[in-house]
Amino acid sequence: MNTDENGSPQEAPSTGRHAAPEGAPRHPAIDLSRDPNPGKPDHAKPDED
């Protein structure tokens, strides 16, 4: 782990701070097979055309 000029810890740029370890099982609450609209973002703000 690196520190920035303020001495704060920084994560490696290739992984987010909430990234699961390599090879970790998927969280049971994330079940994409139950998605009623697969591939369609139903949570985003509508496009303004």
PDB file of N, CA and C in Angstrom:
ATOM      1  N   MET A   1       0.851  -1.176   0.000  1.00  0.00           N
ATOM      2  CA  MET A   1       0.000   0.000   0.000  1.00  0.00           C
ATOM      3  C   MET A   1       0.890   1.230   0.000  1.00  0.00           C
ATOM      4  N   ASN A   2       0.509   2.214  -0.788  1.00  0.00           N
ATOM      5  CA  ASN A   2       1.266   3.450  -0.901  1.00  0.00           C
ATOM      6  C   ASN A   2       0.603   4.543  -0.081  1.00  0.00           C
ATOM      7  N   THR A   3       1.337   5.632   0.135  1.00  0.00           N
ATOM      8  CA  THR A   3       0.753   6.799   0.772  1.00  0.00           C
ATOM      9  C   THR A   3       0.939   7.991  -0.135  1.00  0.00           C
ATOM     10  N   ASP A   4      -0.006   8.922  -0.095  1.00  0.00           N
ATOM     11  CA  ASP A   4       0.130  10.124  -0.912  1.00  0.00           C
ATOM     12  C   ASP A   4       0.934  11.170  -0.148  1.00  0.00           C
ATOM     13  N   GLU A   5       1.009  12.395  -0.685  1.00  0.00           N
ATOM     14  CA  GLU A   5       1.836  13.421  -0.052  1.00  0.00           C
ATOM     15  C   GLU A   5       1.309  13.833   1.315  1.00  0.00           C
ATOM     16  N   ASN A   6       0.055  13.533   1.624  1.00  0.00           N
ATOM     17  CA  ASN A   6      -0.517  13.861   2.927  1.00  0.00           C
ATOM     18  C   ASN A   6      -0.367  12.716   3.925  1.00  0.00           C
ATOM     19  N   GLY A   7       0.212  11.617   3.490  1.00  0.00           N
ATOM     20  CA  GLY A   7       0.387  10.471   4.364  1.00  0.00           C
ATOM     21  C   GLY A   7      -0.830   9.572   4.430  1.00  0.00           C
ATOM     22  N   SER A   8      -1.849   9.856   3.616  1.00  0.00           N
ATOM     23  CA  SER A   8      -3.051   9.028   3.597  1.00  0.00           C
ATOM     24  C   SER A   8      -2.788   7.759   2.798  1.00  0.00           C
ATOM     25  N   PRO A   9      -3.320   6.630   3.249  1.00  0.00           N
ATOM     26  CA  PRO A   9      -3.119   5.395   2.475  1.00  0.00           C
ATOM     27  C   PRO A   9      -3.866   5.452   1.152  1.00  0.00           C
ATOM     28  N   GLN A  10      -3.264   4.900   0.115  1.00  0.00           N
ATOM     29  CA  GLN A  10      -3.891   4.819  -1.200  1.00  0.00           C
ATOM     30  C   GLN A  10      -3.906   3.369  -1.634  1.00  0.00           C
ATOM     31  N   GLU A  11      -4.995   2.979  -2.270  1.00  0.00           N
ATOM     32  CA  GLU A  11      -5.105   1.629  -2.807  1.00  0.00           C
ATOM     33  C   GLU A  11      -4.379   1.550  -4.142  1.00  0.00           C
ATOM     34  N   ALA A  12      -4.051   0.353  -4.550  1.00  0.00           N
ATOM     35  CA  ALA A  12      -3.447   0.155  -5.863  1.00  0.00           C
ATOM     36  C   ALA A  12      -4.451   0.578  -6.931  1.00  0.00           C
ATOM     37  N   PRO A  13      -4.028   1.230  -8.002  1.00  0.00           N
ATOM     38  CA  PRO A  13      -4.972   1.728  -8.999  1.00  0.00           C
ATOM     39  C   PRO A  13      -5.729   0.640  -9.746  1.00  0.00           C
ATOM     40  N   SER A  14      -5.220  -0.591  -9.762  1.00  0.00           N
ATOM     41  CA  SER A  14      -5.875  -1.645 -10.529  1.00  0.00           C
ATOM     42  C   SER A  14      -7.075  -2.252  -9.806  1.00  0.00           C
ATOM     43  N   THR A  15      -7.214  -1.988  -8.505  1.00  0.00           N
ATOM     44  CA  THR A  15      -8.342  -2.532  -7.760  1.00  0.00           C
ATOM     45  C   THR A  15      -9.024  -1.423  -6.989  1.00  0.00           C
ATOM     46  N   GLY A  16     -10.343  -1.461  -6.934  1.00  0.00           N
ATOM     47  CA  GLY A  16     -11.088  -0.494  -6.140  1.00  0.00           C
ATOM     48  C   GLY A  16     -11.023  -0.875  -4.675  1.00  0.00           C
ATOM     49  N   ARG A  17     -11.412   0.050  -3.827  1.00  0.00           N
ATOM     50  CA  ARG A  17     -11.299  -0.264  -2.404  1.00  0.00           C
ATOM     51  C   ARG A  17     -12.364  -1.245  -1.947  1.00  0.00           C
ATOM     52  N   HIS A  18     -13.395  -1.447  -2.760  1.00  0.00           N
ATOM     53  CA  HIS A  18     -14.424  -2.420  -2.424  1.00  0.00           C
ATOM     54  C   HIS A  18     -14.315  -3.681  -3.281  1.00  0.00           C
ATOM     55  N   ALA A  19     -13.243  -3.824  -4.005  1.00  0.00           N
ATOM     56  CA  ALA A  19     -13.083  -4.973  -4.890  1.00  0.00           C
ATOM     57  C   ALA A  19     -12.896  -6.248  -4.069  1.00  0.00           C
ATOM     58  N   ALA A  20     -13.534  -7.324  -4.516  1.00  0.00           N
ATOM     59  CA  ALA A  20     -13.379  -8.617  -3.859  1.00  0.00           C
ATOM     60  C   ALA A  20     -12.032  -9.213  -4.242  1.00  0.00           C
ATOM     61  N   PRO A  21     -11.474 -10.039  -3.376  1.00  0.00           N
ATOM     62  CA  PRO A  21     -10.211 -10.697  -3.722  1.00  0.00           C
ATOM     63  C   PRO A  21     -10.367 -11.570  -4.962  1.00  0.00           C
ATOM     64  N   GLU A  22      -9.277 -11.773  -5.673  1.00  0.00           N
ATOM     65  CA  GLU A  22      -9.288 -12.598  -6.884  1.00  0.00           C
ATOM     66  C   GLU A  22      -9.775 -14.004  -6.538  1.00  0.00           C
ATOM     67  N   GLY A  23     -10.763 -14.497  -7.281  1.00  0.00           N
ATOM     68  CA  GLY A  23     -11.270 -15.849  -7.070  1.00  0.00           C
ATOM     69  C   GLY A  23     -12.321 -15.962  -5.977  1.00  0.00           C
ATOM     70  N   ALA A  24     -12.727 -14.841  -5.387  1.00  0.00           N
ATOM     71  CA  ALA A  24     -13.729 -14.883  -4.321  1.00  0.00           C
ATOM     72  C   ALA A  24     -15.096 -15.230  -4.908  1.00  0.00           C
ATOM     73  N   PRO A  25     -15.933 -15.939  -4.156  1.00  0.00           N
ATOM     74  CA  PRO A  25     -17.275 -16.254  -4.663  1.00  0.00           C
ATOM     75  C   PRO A  25     -18.123 -14.991  -4.755  1.00  0.00           C
ATOM     76  N   ARG A  26     -19.078 -14.986  -5.663  1.00  0.00           N
ATOM     77  CA  ARG A  26     -19.981 -13.844  -5.823  1.00  0.00           C
ATOM     78  C   ARG A  26     -20.909 -13.759  -4.614  1.00  0.00           C
ATOM     79  N   HIS A  27     -21.212 -12.549  -4.199  1.00  0.00           N
ATOM     80  CA  HIS A  27     -22.101 -12.343  -3.058  1.00  0.00           C
ATOM     81  C   HIS A  27     -23.476 -12.933  -3.382  1.00  0.00           C
ATOM     82  N   PRO A  28     -24.107 -13.635  -2.439  1.00  0.00           N
ATOM     83  CA  PRO A  28     -25.392 -14.281  -2.733  1.00  0.00           C
ATOM     84  C   PRO A  28     -26.517 -13.298  -3.058  1.00  0.00           C
ATOM     85  N   ALA A  29     -26.418 -12.046  -2.632  1.00  0.00           N
ATOM     86  CA  ALA A  29     -27.457 -11.065  -2.942  1.00  0.00           C
ATOM     87  C   ALA A  29     -27.379 -10.594  -4.390  1.00  0.00           C
ATOM     88  N   ILE A  30     -26.271 -10.865  -5.070  1.00  0.00           N
ATOM     89  CA  ILE A  30     -26.107 -10.473  -6.469  1.00  0.00           C
ATOM     90  C   ILE A  30     -26.436 -11.688  -7.330  1.00  0.00           C
ATOM     91  N   ASP A  31     -27.671 -11.768  -7.771  1.00  0.00           N
ATOM     92  CA  ASP A  31     -28.123 -12.903  -8.566  1.00  0.00           C
ATOM     93  C   ASP A  31     -28.678 -12.367  -9.880  1.00  0.00           C
ATOM     94  N   LEU A  32     -27.837 -12.298 -10.898  1.00  0.00           N
ATOM     95  CA  LEU A  32     -28.238 -11.726 -12.174  1.00  0.00           C
ATOM     96  C   LEU A  32     -29.265 -12.584 -12.906  1.00  0.00           C
ATOM     97  N   SER A  33     -29.405 -13.841 -12.532  1.00  0.00           N
ATOM     98  CA  SER A  33     -30.397 -14.691 -13.186  1.00  0.00           C
ATOM     99  C   SER A  33     -31.822 -14.277 -12.813  1.00  0.00           C
ATOM    100  N   ARG A  34     -31.986 -13.477 -11.767  1.00  0.00           N
ATOM    101  CA  ARG A  34     -33.319 -13.030 -11.348  1.00  0.00           C
ATOM    102  C   ARG A  34     -33.666 -11.648 -11.892  1.00  0.00           C
ATOM    103  N   ASP A  35     -32.834 -11.081 -12.737  1.00  0.00           N
ATOM    104  CA  ASP A  35     -33.070  -9.749 -13.293  1.00  0.00           C
ATOM    105  C   ASP A  35     -34.280  -9.789 -14.221  1.00  0.00           C
ATOM    106  N   PRO A  36     -35.354  -9.019 -13.934  1.00  0.00           N
ATOM    107  CA  PRO A  36     -36.534  -9.046 -14.798  1.00  0.00           C
ATOM    108  C   PRO A  36     -36.304  -8.374 -16.149  1.00  0.00           C
ATOM    109  N   ASN A  37     -35.316  -7.518 -16.249  1.00  0.00           N
ATOM    110  CA  ASN A  37     -35.004  -6.811 -17.495  1.00  0.00           C
ATOM    111  C   ASN A  37     -33.513  -6.952 -17.798  1.00  0.00           C
ATOM    112  N   PRO A  38     -33.056  -8.141 -18.175  1.00  0.00           N
ATOM    113  CA  PRO A  38     -31.615  -8.330 -18.365  1.00  0.00           C
ATOM    114  C   PRO A  38     -31.048  -7.426 -19.453  1.00  0.00           C
ATOM    115  N   GLY A  39     -29.954  -6.771 -19.126  1.00  0.00           N
ATOM    116  CA  GLY A  39     -29.276  -5.912 -20.089  1.00  0.00           C
ATOM    117  C   GLY A  39     -29.881  -4.533 -20.229  1.00  0.00           C
ATOM    118  N   LYS A  40     -31.011  -4.282 -19.572  1.00  0.00           N
ATOM    119  CA  LYS A  40     -31.671  -2.969 -19.673  1.00  0.00           C
ATOM    120  C   LYS A  40     -31.494  -2.227 -18.352  1.00  0.00           C
ATOM    121  N   PRO A  41     -30.816  -1.077 -18.369  1.00  0.00           N
ATOM    122  CA  PRO A  41     -30.653  -0.325 -17.120  1.00  0.00           C
ATOM    123  C   PRO A  41     -31.982   0.309 -16.705  1.00  0.00           C
ATOM    124  N   ASP A  42     -32.573  -0.185 -15.638  1.00  0.00           N
ATOM    125  CA  ASP A  42     -33.868   0.332 -15.210  1.00  0.00           C
ATOM    126  C   ASP A  42     -33.748   1.259 -13.999  1.00  0.00           C
ATOM    127  N   HIS A  43     -32.534   1.644 -13.662  1.00  0.00           N
ATOM    128  CA  HIS A  43     -32.320   2.484 -12.493  1.00  0.00           C
ATOM    129  C   HIS A  43     -31.729   3.852 -12.849  1.00  0.00           C
ATOM    130  N   ALA A  44     -31.409   4.045 -14.106  1.00  0.00           N
ATOM    131  CA  ALA A  44     -30.741   5.275 -14.516  1.00  0.00           C
ATOM    132  C   ALA A  44     -31.752   6.342 -14.926  1.00  0.00           C
ATOM    133  N   LYS A  45     -31.310   7.581 -14.855  1.00  0.00           N
ATOM    134  CA  LYS A  45     -32.125   8.705 -15.299  1.00  0.00           C
ATOM    135  C   LYS A  45     -32.357   8.577 -16.801  1.00  0.00           C
ATOM    136  N   PRO A  46     -33.572   8.837 -17.272  1.00  0.00           N
ATOM    137  CA  PRO A  46     -33.836   8.739 -18.716  1.00  0.00           C
ATOM    138  C   PRO A  46     -32.967   9.703 -19.524  1.00  0.00           C
ATOM    139  N   ASP A  47     -32.619   9.300 -20.733  1.00  0.00           N
ATOM    140  CA  ASP A  47     -31.829  10.156 -21.618  1.00  0.00           C
ATOM    141  C   ASP A  47     -32.632  11.378 -22.022  1.00  0.00           C
ATOM    142  N   GLU A  48     -31.951  12.503 -22.103  1.00  0.00           N
ATOM    143  CA  GLU A  48     -32.590  13.737 -22.570  1.00  0.00           C
ATOM    144  C   GLU A  48     -32.189  13.952 -24.013  1.00  0.00           C
ATOM    145  N   ASP A  49     -33.072  13.612 -24.945  1.00  0.00           N
ATOM    146  CA  ASP A  49     -32.749  13.722 -26.374  1.00  0.00           C
ATOM    147  C   ASP A  49     -33.117  15.065 -26.929  1.00  0.00           C
TER     148      ASP A  49
END
